[in-house]
Amino acid sequence: MSAAGPCSPPPALLVFAKDPVPGTVKTRLAAAVGAERATRVYTDLLATTLGHGYAAVRAKAVARIELWCTPDCEAPYLRSIATAFGCSRHRQCEGDLGARMAHAIADALARAPAVLLVGTDCPLLDPLQLAQAAGMLHEHDAVLGPAEDGGYVLVGARRPLAFDGVRWSTPHAFADTAAAFGRAGIRFGVLPVLWDVDEPADLARWDALRKVNA
């Protein structure tokens, strides 16, 4: 296993996003609040994520934002929001989440010394959190940001990764990924645990946070 070298210039930020068609995004939340409201929550979360990323670019914590889209990066909404936040657009490959993340990370590492990959579910991933994750890549091959539900909200890397044997969308996703990294000899750092917005209780928590910060 090679020693970790410096991570400079800053990593690229990869944001996984889905065309916000009602009934296809935030489906767990939609079961409680309806597809239309769940879609509005999704677009709010996506804008929040990209806003944090844009601020991180301005602070030089990350180099740029790549919006990794599914099913089509030419969808009008995704084109519009990518333009608004200065993102390049890339299409996610086929396969499960692990295959899509592995492909995006490997592809982006051809253009950047390191990457941070996030979804759109965690509004707490602000520029300070992104800078902390980028800093961990000075000393580690990878970084994981665990979520309270047993998943994770961020993965960073300065080398290609594989996600073998990960049980996605379960409370085991973080532990399975950590085990896969261990088997591959990948030295990784771990960020503080955060929460994401998947269920009505999470939405209430985010609504309360937004009122405090309003």
N, C-alpha and C. Protein backbone atom coordinates (compact mmCIF):
# COMPACT_ATOMS: atom_id res chain seq x y z
N MET A 1 0.85 -1.18 0.00
CA MET A 1 0.00 0.00 0.00
C MET A 1 0.88 1.23 0.00
N SER A 2 0.67 2.12 -0.92
CA SER A 2 1.50 3.30 -1.03
C SER A 2 1.12 4.32 0.01
N ALA A 3 2.07 5.13 0.40
CA ALA A 3 1.79 6.18 1.37
C ALA A 3 0.97 7.28 0.71
N ALA A 4 0.11 7.91 1.50
CA ALA A 4 -0.70 8.99 0.98
C ALA A 4 0.16 10.20 0.73
N GLY A 5 -0.06 10.82 -0.42
CA GLY A 5 0.65 12.04 -0.76
C GLY A 5 -0.27 13.23 -0.60
N PRO A 6 0.23 14.44 -0.86
CA PRO A 6 -0.59 15.63 -0.70
C PRO A 6 -1.71 15.67 -1.73
N CYS A 7 -2.83 16.27 -1.32
CA CYS A 7 -3.98 16.40 -2.20
C CYS A 7 -4.09 17.85 -2.63
N SER A 8 -3.36 18.21 -3.68
CA SER A 8 -3.37 19.58 -4.17
C SER A 8 -3.12 19.54 -5.67
N PRO A 9 -3.87 20.24 -6.46
CA PRO A 9 -4.94 21.18 -6.14
C PRO A 9 -6.15 20.51 -5.52
N PRO A 10 -7.18 21.30 -5.16
CA PRO A 10 -8.33 20.74 -4.45
C PRO A 10 -9.07 19.68 -5.27
N PRO A 11 -9.83 18.83 -4.60
CA PRO A 11 -10.59 17.80 -5.31
C PRO A 11 -11.75 18.38 -6.09
N ALA A 12 -12.21 17.61 -7.06
CA ALA A 12 -13.46 17.93 -7.74
C ALA A 12 -14.62 17.42 -6.88
N LEU A 13 -15.74 18.11 -6.95
CA LEU A 13 -16.94 17.70 -6.24
C LEU A 13 -17.92 17.10 -7.25
N LEU A 14 -18.25 15.83 -7.05
CA LEU A 14 -19.21 15.14 -7.92
C LEU A 14 -20.54 15.06 -7.18
N VAL A 15 -21.60 15.52 -7.82
CA VAL A 15 -22.94 15.50 -7.22
C VAL A 15 -23.82 14.58 -8.05
N PHE A 16 -24.30 13.51 -7.44
CA PHE A 16 -25.23 12.60 -8.10
C PHE A 16 -26.63 13.19 -8.04
N ALA A 17 -27.25 13.34 -9.20
CA ALA A 17 -28.58 13.97 -9.26
C ALA A 17 -29.47 13.21 -10.23
N LYS A 18 -30.75 13.28 -9.96
CA LYS A 18 -31.76 12.61 -10.77
C LYS A 18 -32.71 13.65 -11.33
N ASP A 19 -33.15 13.47 -12.57
CA ASP A 19 -34.15 14.36 -13.13
C ASP A 19 -35.39 14.32 -12.24
N PRO A 20 -35.82 15.46 -11.70
CA PRO A 20 -36.89 15.45 -10.68
C PRO A 20 -38.30 15.28 -11.26
N VAL A 21 -38.57 14.09 -11.72
CA VAL A 21 -39.90 13.75 -12.21
C VAL A 21 -40.72 13.23 -11.04
N PRO A 22 -41.89 13.80 -10.75
CA PRO A 22 -42.69 13.32 -9.61
C PRO A 22 -42.94 11.82 -9.70
N GLY A 23 -42.78 11.17 -8.57
CA GLY A 23 -42.95 9.72 -8.51
C GLY A 23 -41.66 8.95 -8.67
N THR A 24 -40.56 9.65 -9.03
CA THR A 24 -39.28 8.96 -9.22
C THR A 24 -38.22 9.43 -8.23
N VAL A 25 -38.47 10.49 -7.49
CA VAL A 25 -37.50 11.01 -6.52
C VAL A 25 -38.13 11.05 -5.13
N LYS A 26 -37.29 10.86 -4.10
CA LYS A 26 -37.72 10.88 -2.70
C LYS A 26 -38.97 10.02 -2.50
N THR A 27 -38.92 8.78 -2.98
CA THR A 27 -40.11 7.93 -2.97
C THR A 27 -40.55 7.55 -1.56
N ARG A 28 -39.60 7.36 -0.65
CA ARG A 28 -40.00 7.06 0.73
C ARG A 28 -40.74 8.24 1.35
N LEU A 29 -40.24 9.43 1.10
CA LEU A 29 -40.90 10.63 1.60
C LEU A 29 -42.25 10.82 0.92
N ALA A 30 -42.31 10.53 -0.39
CA ALA A 30 -43.55 10.71 -1.14
C ALA A 30 -44.69 9.86 -0.60
N ALA A 31 -44.37 8.71 -0.04
CA ALA A 31 -45.41 7.85 0.51
C ALA A 31 -46.16 8.54 1.64
N ALA A 32 -45.50 9.51 2.30
CA ALA A 32 -46.13 10.21 3.42
C ALA A 32 -46.65 11.59 3.03
N VAL A 33 -45.95 12.30 2.15
CA VAL A 33 -46.31 13.70 1.88
C VAL A 33 -46.82 13.91 0.46
N GLY A 34 -46.80 12.88 -0.37
CA GLY A 34 -47.25 13.01 -1.75
C GLY A 34 -46.09 13.28 -2.70
N ALA A 35 -46.27 12.86 -3.95
CA ALA A 35 -45.19 12.94 -4.92
C ALA A 35 -44.81 14.38 -5.27
N GLU A 36 -45.79 15.27 -5.35
CA GLU A 36 -45.49 16.64 -5.74
C GLU A 36 -44.64 17.34 -4.68
N ARG A 37 -45.04 17.20 -3.40
CA ARG A 37 -44.25 17.84 -2.35
C ARG A 37 -42.88 17.20 -2.23
N ALA A 38 -42.83 15.89 -2.36
CA ALA A 38 -41.53 15.21 -2.28
C ALA A 38 -40.60 15.69 -3.39
N THR A 39 -41.15 15.96 -4.56
CA THR A 39 -40.33 16.47 -5.66
C THR A 39 -39.83 17.87 -5.35
N ARG A 40 -40.66 18.70 -4.74
CA ARG A 40 -40.20 20.04 -4.36
C ARG A 40 -39.09 19.95 -3.32
N VAL A 41 -39.23 19.01 -2.38
CA VAL A 41 -38.17 18.81 -1.39
C VAL A 41 -36.87 18.41 -2.09
N TYR A 42 -37.00 17.51 -3.08
CA TYR A 42 -35.81 17.06 -3.80
C TYR A 42 -35.11 18.23 -4.49
N THR A 43 -35.88 19.07 -5.19
CA THR A 43 -35.24 20.18 -5.90
C THR A 43 -34.65 21.19 -4.91
N ASP A 44 -35.29 21.38 -3.75
CA ASP A 44 -34.71 22.24 -2.72
C ASP A 44 -33.38 21.68 -2.22
N LEU A 45 -33.35 20.37 -2.00
CA LEU A 45 -32.12 19.73 -1.53
C LEU A 45 -31.02 19.81 -2.58
N LEU A 46 -31.38 19.61 -3.84
CA LEU A 46 -30.38 19.69 -4.91
C LEU A 46 -29.80 21.10 -4.99
N ALA A 47 -30.67 22.11 -4.93
CA ALA A 47 -30.18 23.49 -4.96
C ALA A 47 -29.31 23.80 -3.74
N THR A 48 -29.70 23.29 -2.58
CA THR A 48 -28.89 23.49 -1.37
C THR A 48 -27.52 22.86 -1.52
N THR A 49 -27.49 21.62 -2.03
CA THR A 49 -26.23 20.91 -2.24
C THR A 49 -25.32 21.67 -3.19
N LEU A 50 -25.88 22.11 -4.31
CA LEU A 50 -25.07 22.84 -5.29
C LEU A 50 -24.66 24.21 -4.76
N GLY A 51 -25.52 24.83 -3.95
CA GLY A 51 -25.14 26.09 -3.34
C GLY A 51 -23.96 25.94 -2.41
N HIS A 52 -23.97 24.87 -1.62
CA HIS A 52 -22.81 24.61 -0.75
C HIS A 52 -21.57 24.33 -1.60
N GLY A 53 -21.75 23.57 -2.67
CA GLY A 53 -20.62 23.28 -3.54
C GLY A 53 -20.05 24.53 -4.18
N TYR A 54 -20.94 25.41 -4.63
CA TYR A 54 -20.50 26.67 -5.26
C TYR A 54 -19.71 27.52 -4.26
N ALA A 55 -20.20 27.57 -3.01
CA ALA A 55 -19.48 28.31 -1.99
C ALA A 55 -18.12 27.67 -1.70
N ALA A 56 -18.07 26.34 -1.75
CA ALA A 56 -16.80 25.64 -1.54
C ALA A 56 -15.81 25.91 -2.67
N VAL A 57 -16.32 26.04 -3.89
CA VAL A 57 -15.46 26.42 -5.02
C VAL A 57 -14.88 27.81 -4.79
N ARG A 58 -15.74 28.74 -4.39
CA ARG A 58 -15.28 30.11 -4.15
C ARG A 58 -14.25 30.17 -3.02
N ALA A 59 -14.41 29.26 -2.04
CA ALA A 59 -13.46 29.20 -0.93
C ALA A 59 -12.22 28.37 -1.25
N LYS A 60 -12.19 27.82 -2.47
CA LYS A 60 -11.08 26.98 -2.94
C LYS A 60 -10.94 25.68 -2.16
N ALA A 61 -12.04 25.24 -1.52
CA ALA A 61 -12.03 23.94 -0.86
C ALA A 61 -12.19 22.82 -1.87
N VAL A 62 -12.92 23.08 -2.95
CA VAL A 62 -13.02 22.16 -4.08
C VAL A 62 -12.73 22.93 -5.35
N ALA A 63 -12.30 22.20 -6.37
CA ALA A 63 -11.87 22.86 -7.60
C ALA A 63 -13.04 23.22 -8.51
N ARG A 64 -14.04 22.34 -8.59
CA ARG A 64 -15.17 22.55 -9.50
C ARG A 64 -16.25 21.56 -9.12
N ILE A 65 -17.42 21.71 -9.75
CA ILE A 65 -18.54 20.82 -9.51
C ILE A 65 -18.88 20.09 -10.80
N GLU A 66 -19.01 18.78 -10.69
CA GLU A 66 -19.50 17.96 -11.80
C GLU A 66 -20.86 17.39 -11.39
N LEU A 67 -21.88 17.66 -12.19
CA LEU A 67 -23.22 17.13 -11.91
C LEU A 67 -23.37 15.83 -12.69
N TRP A 68 -23.47 14.73 -11.94
CA TRP A 68 -23.61 13.40 -12.55
C TRP A 68 -25.09 13.02 -12.54
N CYS A 69 -25.65 12.94 -13.74
CA CYS A 69 -27.10 12.91 -13.92
C CYS A 69 -27.61 11.54 -14.32
N THR A 70 -28.85 11.29 -13.96
CA THR A 70 -29.58 10.13 -14.42
C THR A 70 -31.06 10.52 -14.53
N PRO A 71 -31.82 9.98 -15.49
CA PRO A 71 -31.35 9.08 -16.55
C PRO A 71 -30.73 9.79 -17.74
N ASP A 72 -30.87 11.13 -17.82
CA ASP A 72 -30.42 11.85 -19.01
C ASP A 72 -29.90 13.21 -18.58
N CYS A 73 -28.63 13.48 -18.86
CA CYS A 73 -28.06 14.76 -18.46
C CYS A 73 -28.50 15.91 -19.36
N GLU A 74 -29.30 15.60 -20.40
CA GLU A 74 -29.87 16.65 -21.24
C GLU A 74 -31.25 17.08 -20.78
N ALA A 75 -31.76 16.51 -19.69
CA ALA A 75 -33.07 16.91 -19.17
C ALA A 75 -33.06 18.41 -18.88
N PRO A 76 -34.10 19.13 -19.28
CA PRO A 76 -34.09 20.61 -19.15
C PRO A 76 -33.80 21.10 -17.74
N TYR A 77 -34.41 20.48 -16.72
CA TYR A 77 -34.18 20.96 -15.36
C TYR A 77 -32.71 20.82 -14.98
N LEU A 78 -32.12 19.67 -15.28
CA LEU A 78 -30.73 19.43 -14.91
C LEU A 78 -29.79 20.34 -15.70
N ARG A 79 -30.10 20.58 -16.95
CA ARG A 79 -29.29 21.52 -17.74
C ARG A 79 -29.35 22.90 -17.12
N SER A 80 -30.55 23.32 -16.73
CA SER A 80 -30.73 24.67 -16.19
C SER A 80 -29.99 24.86 -14.87
N ILE A 81 -30.14 23.90 -13.95
CA ILE A 81 -29.51 24.09 -12.65
C ILE A 81 -28.00 23.92 -12.74
N ALA A 82 -27.53 23.08 -13.66
CA ALA A 82 -26.08 22.96 -13.86
C ALA A 82 -25.50 24.28 -14.35
N THR A 83 -26.19 24.93 -15.27
CA THR A 83 -25.73 26.22 -15.77
C THR A 83 -25.73 27.26 -14.66
N ALA A 84 -26.78 27.25 -13.82
CA ALA A 84 -26.89 28.24 -12.76
C ALA A 84 -25.74 28.15 -11.77
N PHE A 85 -25.25 26.94 -11.52
CA PHE A 85 -24.19 26.77 -10.52
C PHE A 85 -22.83 26.48 -11.15
N GLY A 86 -22.71 26.63 -12.46
CA GLY A 86 -21.42 26.47 -13.11
C GLY A 86 -20.90 25.05 -13.13
N CYS A 87 -21.81 24.06 -13.24
CA CYS A 87 -21.40 22.65 -13.22
C CYS A 87 -21.25 22.10 -14.63
N SER A 88 -20.29 21.23 -14.82
CA SER A 88 -20.29 20.38 -16.01
C SER A 88 -21.28 19.24 -15.78
N ARG A 89 -21.78 18.66 -16.88
CA ARG A 89 -22.77 17.59 -16.77
C ARG A 89 -22.19 16.29 -17.31
N HIS A 90 -22.47 15.19 -16.59
CA HIS A 90 -21.97 13.87 -16.95
C HIS A 90 -23.09 12.87 -16.69
N ARG A 91 -23.14 11.83 -17.49
CA ARG A 91 -24.21 10.84 -17.34
C ARG A 91 -23.73 9.67 -16.49
N GLN A 92 -24.54 9.31 -15.50
CA GLN A 92 -24.23 8.11 -14.72
C GLN A 92 -24.35 6.87 -15.59
N CYS A 93 -23.51 5.88 -15.32
CA CYS A 93 -23.58 4.63 -16.07
C CYS A 93 -24.72 3.77 -15.54
N GLU A 94 -24.96 2.66 -16.19
CA GLU A 94 -25.95 1.69 -15.72
C GLU A 94 -25.39 0.92 -14.53
N GLY A 95 -26.26 0.26 -13.79
CA GLY A 95 -25.82 -0.59 -12.68
C GLY A 95 -26.31 -0.08 -11.35
N ASP A 96 -25.93 -0.78 -10.27
CA ASP A 96 -26.35 -0.36 -8.95
C ASP A 96 -25.54 0.85 -8.51
N LEU A 97 -25.85 1.36 -7.33
CA LEU A 97 -25.21 2.60 -6.87
C LEU A 97 -23.70 2.43 -6.80
N GLY A 98 -23.23 1.27 -6.33
CA GLY A 98 -21.80 1.06 -6.24
C GLY A 98 -21.11 1.12 -7.58
N ALA A 99 -21.71 0.50 -8.60
CA ALA A 99 -21.13 0.53 -9.94
C ALA A 99 -21.11 1.94 -10.50
N ARG A 100 -22.17 2.70 -10.24
CA ARG A 100 -22.25 4.06 -10.76
C ARG A 100 -21.25 4.98 -10.06
N MET A 101 -21.09 4.80 -8.75
CA MET A 101 -20.12 5.61 -8.03
C MET A 101 -18.70 5.26 -8.45
N ALA A 102 -18.40 3.98 -8.57
CA ALA A 102 -17.05 3.56 -8.98
C ALA A 102 -16.70 4.13 -10.34
N HIS A 103 -17.66 4.11 -11.27
CA HIS A 103 -17.41 4.64 -12.62
C HIS A 103 -17.17 6.15 -12.56
N ALA A 104 -18.03 6.88 -11.83
CA ALA A 104 -17.88 8.33 -11.77
C ALA A 104 -16.56 8.73 -11.13
N ILE A 105 -16.18 8.05 -10.06
CA ILE A 105 -14.92 8.36 -9.39
C ILE A 105 -13.74 8.11 -10.33
N ALA A 106 -13.71 6.95 -10.97
CA ALA A 106 -12.60 6.64 -11.87
C ALA A 106 -12.54 7.63 -13.03
N ASP A 107 -13.70 7.97 -13.57
CA ASP A 107 -13.74 8.91 -14.69
C ASP A 107 -13.22 10.28 -14.26
N ALA A 108 -13.67 10.77 -13.11
CA ALA A 108 -13.28 12.10 -12.66
C ALA A 108 -11.81 12.15 -12.26
N LEU A 109 -11.26 11.05 -11.78
CA LEU A 109 -9.85 11.03 -11.40
C LEU A 109 -8.92 11.19 -12.60
N ALA A 110 -9.45 11.05 -13.80
CA ALA A 110 -8.65 11.35 -14.98
C ALA A 110 -8.48 12.85 -15.18
N ARG A 111 -9.31 13.64 -14.47
CA ARG A 111 -9.28 15.10 -14.61
C ARG A 111 -8.88 15.82 -13.33
N ALA A 112 -8.81 15.10 -12.22
CA ALA A 112 -8.55 15.74 -10.93
C ALA A 112 -7.69 14.81 -10.08
N PRO A 113 -6.91 15.37 -9.14
CA PRO A 113 -6.08 14.53 -8.28
C PRO A 113 -6.87 13.76 -7.24
N ALA A 114 -8.09 14.24 -6.96
CA ALA A 114 -8.95 13.60 -5.96
C ALA A 114 -10.37 14.07 -6.20
N VAL A 115 -11.33 13.35 -5.62
CA VAL A 115 -12.73 13.70 -5.80
C VAL A 115 -13.48 13.54 -4.48
N LEU A 116 -14.54 14.30 -4.34
CA LEU A 116 -15.55 14.09 -3.31
C LEU A 116 -16.86 13.83 -4.03
N LEU A 117 -17.55 12.76 -3.65
CA LEU A 117 -18.81 12.42 -4.29
C LEU A 117 -19.92 12.48 -3.24
N VAL A 118 -20.99 13.20 -3.57
CA VAL A 118 -22.12 13.33 -2.65
C VAL A 118 -23.42 13.12 -3.43
N GLY A 119 -24.47 12.82 -2.68
CA GLY A 119 -25.80 12.83 -3.25
C GLY A 119 -26.47 14.17 -2.96
N THR A 120 -27.79 14.15 -2.87
CA THR A 120 -28.52 15.39 -2.63
C THR A 120 -29.34 15.33 -1.35
N ASP A 121 -29.10 14.33 -0.50
CA ASP A 121 -29.98 14.11 0.66
C ASP A 121 -29.52 14.80 1.93
N CYS A 122 -28.29 15.34 1.96
CA CYS A 122 -27.74 15.85 3.22
C CYS A 122 -27.48 17.35 3.14
N PRO A 123 -28.41 18.17 3.65
CA PRO A 123 -28.21 19.62 3.60
C PRO A 123 -27.15 20.13 4.56
N LEU A 124 -26.59 19.26 5.41
CA LEU A 124 -25.56 19.67 6.35
C LEU A 124 -24.16 19.65 5.75
N LEU A 125 -24.03 19.15 4.53
CA LEU A 125 -22.71 19.11 3.89
C LEU A 125 -22.37 20.49 3.33
N ASP A 126 -22.03 21.37 4.24
CA ASP A 126 -21.74 22.75 3.87
C ASP A 126 -20.27 22.89 3.48
N PRO A 127 -19.83 24.09 3.10
CA PRO A 127 -18.43 24.24 2.68
C PRO A 127 -17.41 23.81 3.72
N LEU A 128 -17.72 24.01 5.01
CA LEU A 128 -16.78 23.59 6.05
C LEU A 128 -16.64 22.07 6.09
N GLN A 129 -17.77 21.36 5.96
CA GLN A 129 -17.72 19.90 5.93
C GLN A 129 -16.96 19.40 4.70
N LEU A 130 -17.20 20.05 3.56
CA LEU A 130 -16.51 19.65 2.33
C LEU A 130 -15.01 19.91 2.46
N ALA A 131 -14.65 21.03 3.08
CA ALA A 131 -13.23 21.32 3.28
C ALA A 131 -12.58 20.31 4.21
N GLN A 132 -13.31 19.89 5.24
CA GLN A 132 -12.78 18.88 6.15
C GLN A 132 -12.55 17.57 5.42
N ALA A 133 -13.49 17.18 4.57
CA ALA A 133 -13.33 15.95 3.80
C ALA A 133 -12.14 16.05 2.86
N ALA A 134 -12.01 17.19 2.19
CA ALA A 134 -10.86 17.38 1.29
C ALA A 134 -9.55 17.30 2.06
N GLY A 135 -9.53 17.88 3.25
CA GLY A 135 -8.31 17.84 4.05
C GLY A 135 -7.91 16.43 4.45
N MET A 136 -8.89 15.56 4.70
CA MET A 136 -8.58 14.18 5.07
C MET A 136 -7.87 13.44 3.94
N LEU A 137 -8.10 13.88 2.71
CA LEU A 137 -7.46 13.20 1.58
C LEU A 137 -5.98 13.53 1.48
N HIS A 138 -5.48 14.46 2.31
CA HIS A 138 -4.03 14.67 2.39
C HIS A 138 -3.34 13.46 3.01
N GLU A 139 -4.06 12.75 3.89
CA GLU A 139 -3.44 11.67 4.67
C GLU A 139 -4.06 10.31 4.41
N HIS A 140 -5.10 10.24 3.61
CA HIS A 140 -5.82 8.99 3.38
C HIS A 140 -6.09 8.78 1.90
N ASP A 141 -6.29 7.52 1.54
CA ASP A 141 -6.68 7.20 0.17
C ASP A 141 -8.13 7.55 -0.10
N ALA A 142 -8.96 7.52 0.95
CA ALA A 142 -10.39 7.75 0.80
C ALA A 142 -10.93 8.35 2.09
N VAL A 143 -12.16 8.85 2.03
CA VAL A 143 -12.85 9.37 3.20
C VAL A 143 -14.32 9.02 3.08
N LEU A 144 -14.94 8.71 4.20
CA LEU A 144 -16.37 8.42 4.24
C LEU A 144 -17.05 9.34 5.25
N GLY A 145 -18.24 9.79 4.88
CA GLY A 145 -19.06 10.59 5.77
C GLY A 145 -20.29 9.81 6.19
N PRO A 146 -20.28 9.18 7.37
CA PRO A 146 -21.39 8.32 7.77
C PRO A 146 -22.67 9.11 8.06
N ALA A 147 -23.79 8.43 7.84
CA ALA A 147 -25.10 8.98 8.16
C ALA A 147 -25.68 8.27 9.37
N GLU A 148 -26.60 8.93 10.05
CA GLU A 148 -27.20 8.35 11.24
C GLU A 148 -27.93 7.04 10.95
N ASP A 149 -28.42 6.88 9.72
CA ASP A 149 -29.22 5.69 9.40
C ASP A 149 -28.38 4.49 8.99
N GLY A 150 -27.05 4.59 9.10
CA GLY A 150 -26.17 3.48 8.75
C GLY A 150 -25.63 3.54 7.34
N GLY A 151 -26.08 4.50 6.56
CA GLY A 151 -25.51 4.73 5.23
C GLY A 151 -24.40 5.76 5.32
N TYR A 152 -24.17 6.46 4.21
CA TYR A 152 -23.20 7.54 4.25
C TYR A 152 -23.58 8.61 3.25
N VAL A 153 -23.12 9.84 3.53
CA VAL A 153 -23.53 11.00 2.75
C VAL A 153 -22.43 11.51 1.84
N LEU A 154 -21.23 10.98 2.00
CA LEU A 154 -20.08 11.44 1.19
C LEU A 154 -19.07 10.32 1.10
N VAL A 155 -18.46 10.21 -0.05
CA VAL A 155 -17.26 9.38 -0.21
C VAL A 155 -16.25 10.19 -1.01
N GLY A 156 -15.04 10.21 -0.51
CA GLY A 156 -13.96 10.90 -1.22
C GLY A 156 -12.86 9.91 -1.56
N ALA A 157 -12.09 10.22 -2.59
CA ALA A 157 -11.05 9.28 -3.02
C ALA A 157 -9.98 10.00 -3.81
N ARG A 158 -8.78 9.48 -3.74
CA ARG A 158 -7.72 9.91 -4.64
C ARG A 158 -7.17 8.73 -5.44
N ARG A 159 -7.92 7.63 -5.42
CA ARG A 159 -7.62 6.47 -6.25
C ARG A 159 -8.94 5.78 -6.55
N PRO A 160 -9.02 4.99 -7.60
CA PRO A 160 -10.29 4.30 -7.90
C PRO A 160 -10.71 3.40 -6.75
N LEU A 161 -12.01 3.27 -6.58
CA LEU A 161 -12.58 2.47 -5.50
C LEU A 161 -13.52 1.42 -6.06
N ALA A 162 -13.70 0.35 -5.30
CA ALA A 162 -14.71 -0.66 -5.60
C ALA A 162 -15.61 -0.80 -4.39
N PHE A 163 -16.88 -1.09 -4.63
CA PHE A 163 -17.86 -1.18 -3.56
C PHE A 163 -18.46 -2.59 -3.54
N ASP A 164 -17.58 -3.57 -3.38
CA ASP A 164 -18.01 -4.97 -3.45
C ASP A 164 -18.75 -5.38 -2.19
N GLY A 165 -19.91 -6.02 -2.39
CA GLY A 165 -20.63 -6.59 -1.27
C GLY A 165 -21.39 -5.60 -0.41
N VAL A 166 -21.62 -4.39 -0.90
CA VAL A 166 -22.33 -3.39 -0.10
C VAL A 166 -23.83 -3.58 -0.25
N ARG A 167 -24.51 -3.64 0.87
CA ARG A 167 -25.97 -3.74 0.88
C ARG A 167 -26.55 -2.33 0.90
N TRP A 168 -26.87 -1.84 -0.31
CA TRP A 168 -27.34 -0.47 -0.46
C TRP A 168 -28.73 -0.30 0.13
N SER A 169 -29.01 0.93 0.56
CA SER A 169 -30.32 1.30 1.13
C SER A 169 -30.68 0.44 2.35
N THR A 170 -29.66 0.09 3.11
CA THR A 170 -29.86 -0.65 4.36
C THR A 170 -29.00 0.01 5.44
N PRO A 171 -29.24 -0.33 6.71
CA PRO A 171 -28.38 0.19 7.79
C PRO A 171 -26.96 -0.35 7.76
N HIS A 172 -26.66 -1.23 6.81
CA HIS A 172 -25.33 -1.86 6.75
C HIS A 172 -24.40 -1.21 5.72
N ALA A 173 -24.89 -0.21 4.98
CA ALA A 173 -24.12 0.31 3.85
C ALA A 173 -22.77 0.87 4.26
N PHE A 174 -22.74 1.65 5.35
CA PHE A 174 -21.45 2.20 5.78
C PHE A 174 -20.50 1.09 6.22
N ALA A 175 -20.97 0.18 7.07
CA ALA A 175 -20.11 -0.89 7.57
C ALA A 175 -19.62 -1.78 6.43
N ASP A 176 -20.50 -2.08 5.48
CA ASP A 176 -20.10 -2.91 4.35
C ASP A 176 -19.03 -2.22 3.51
N THR A 177 -19.19 -0.90 3.31
CA THR A 177 -18.20 -0.16 2.52
C THR A 177 -16.86 -0.10 3.25
N ALA A 178 -16.90 0.15 4.55
CA ALA A 178 -15.67 0.16 5.32
C ALA A 178 -14.96 -1.19 5.24
N ALA A 179 -15.74 -2.27 5.29
CA ALA A 179 -15.14 -3.60 5.19
C ALA A 179 -14.53 -3.83 3.81
N ALA A 180 -15.23 -3.38 2.76
CA ALA A 180 -14.70 -3.52 1.39
C ALA A 180 -13.39 -2.75 1.24
N PHE A 181 -13.35 -1.53 1.79
CA PHE A 181 -12.13 -0.75 1.71
C PHE A 181 -11.00 -1.44 2.47
N GLY A 182 -11.32 -2.01 3.63
CA GLY A 182 -10.30 -2.71 4.40
C GLY A 182 -9.72 -3.89 3.64
N ARG A 183 -10.60 -4.66 2.97
CA ARG A 183 -10.12 -5.80 2.20
C ARG A 183 -9.21 -5.36 1.05
N ALA A 184 -9.47 -4.17 0.50
CA ALA A 184 -8.69 -3.67 -0.63
C ALA A 184 -7.44 -2.90 -0.20
N GLY A 185 -7.23 -2.79 1.10
CA GLY A 185 -6.05 -2.06 1.58
C GLY A 185 -6.15 -0.56 1.42
N ILE A 186 -7.37 -0.03 1.41
CA ILE A 186 -7.58 1.40 1.24
C ILE A 186 -7.62 2.06 2.62
N ARG A 187 -6.72 2.97 2.86
CA ARG A 187 -6.70 3.72 4.11
C ARG A 187 -7.71 4.86 4.02
N PHE A 188 -8.68 4.88 4.93
CA PHE A 188 -9.72 5.90 4.82
C PHE A 188 -9.96 6.59 6.15
N GLY A 189 -10.33 7.87 6.05
CA GLY A 189 -10.73 8.64 7.21
C GLY A 189 -12.25 8.69 7.30
N VAL A 190 -12.73 9.03 8.47
CA VAL A 190 -14.17 9.06 8.72
C VAL A 190 -14.56 10.43 9.29
N LEU A 191 -15.53 11.05 8.65
CA LEU A 191 -16.05 12.34 9.09
C LEU A 191 -17.04 12.15 10.24
N PRO A 192 -17.43 13.23 10.93
CA PRO A 192 -18.49 13.13 11.93
C PRO A 192 -19.80 12.66 11.29
N VAL A 193 -20.61 11.99 12.07
CA VAL A 193 -21.90 11.47 11.60
C VAL A 193 -22.87 12.63 11.36
N LEU A 194 -23.56 12.59 10.22
CA LEU A 194 -24.57 13.58 9.88
C LEU A 194 -25.90 12.87 9.62
N TRP A 195 -26.95 13.64 9.43
CA TRP A 195 -28.24 13.06 9.08
C TRP A 195 -28.66 13.54 7.70
N ASP A 196 -29.48 12.74 7.04
CA ASP A 196 -29.97 13.12 5.74
C ASP A 196 -31.50 13.12 5.74
N VAL A 197 -32.09 13.54 4.65
CA VAL A 197 -33.54 13.73 4.56
C VAL A 197 -34.14 12.61 3.72
N ASP A 198 -34.70 11.63 4.40
CA ASP A 198 -35.34 10.50 3.72
C ASP A 198 -36.78 10.29 4.16
N GLU A 199 -37.08 10.60 5.42
CA GLU A 199 -38.38 10.30 6.02
C GLU A 199 -39.04 11.60 6.49
N PRO A 200 -40.35 11.57 6.79
CA PRO A 200 -41.02 12.78 7.27
C PRO A 200 -40.35 13.41 8.49
N ALA A 201 -39.85 12.59 9.42
CA ALA A 201 -39.17 13.15 10.59
C ALA A 201 -37.91 13.91 10.19
N ASP A 202 -37.22 13.43 9.16
CA ASP A 202 -36.04 14.13 8.67
C ASP A 202 -36.43 15.47 8.05
N LEU A 203 -37.53 15.48 7.32
CA LEU A 203 -38.00 16.72 6.70
C LEU A 203 -38.35 17.75 7.76
N ALA A 204 -39.01 17.30 8.83
CA ALA A 204 -39.33 18.22 9.93
C ALA A 204 -38.06 18.79 10.55
N ARG A 205 -37.05 17.96 10.66
CA ARG A 205 -35.77 18.39 11.22
C ARG A 205 -35.13 19.46 10.33
N TRP A 206 -35.19 19.23 9.02
CA TRP A 206 -34.61 20.21 8.09
C TRP A 206 -35.42 21.51 8.10
N ASP A 207 -36.74 21.39 8.13
CA ASP A 207 -37.59 22.58 8.20
C ASP A 207 -37.25 23.41 9.43
N ALA A 208 -37.05 22.75 10.56
CA ALA A 208 -36.70 23.45 11.79
C ALA A 208 -35.34 24.13 11.66
N LEU A 209 -34.39 23.46 11.04
CA LEU A 209 -33.05 24.03 10.85
C LEU A 209 -33.12 25.26 9.96
N ARG A 210 -33.94 25.20 8.91
CA ARG A 210 -34.06 26.34 8.02
C ARG A 210 -34.70 27.54 8.72
N LYS A 211 -35.65 27.27 9.62
CA LYS A 211 -36.27 28.38 10.35
C LYS A 211 -35.26 29.04 11.27
N VAL A 212 -34.40 28.25 11.89
CA VAL A 212 -33.38 28.79 12.77
C VAL A 212 -32.42 29.68 11.98
N ASN A 213 -32.08 29.24 10.76
CA ASN A 213 -31.09 29.95 9.96
C ASN A 213 -31.69 31.04 9.08
N ALA A 214 -33.02 31.17 9.11
CA ALA A 214 -33.68 32.16 8.25
C ALA A 214 -33.34 33.59 8.70
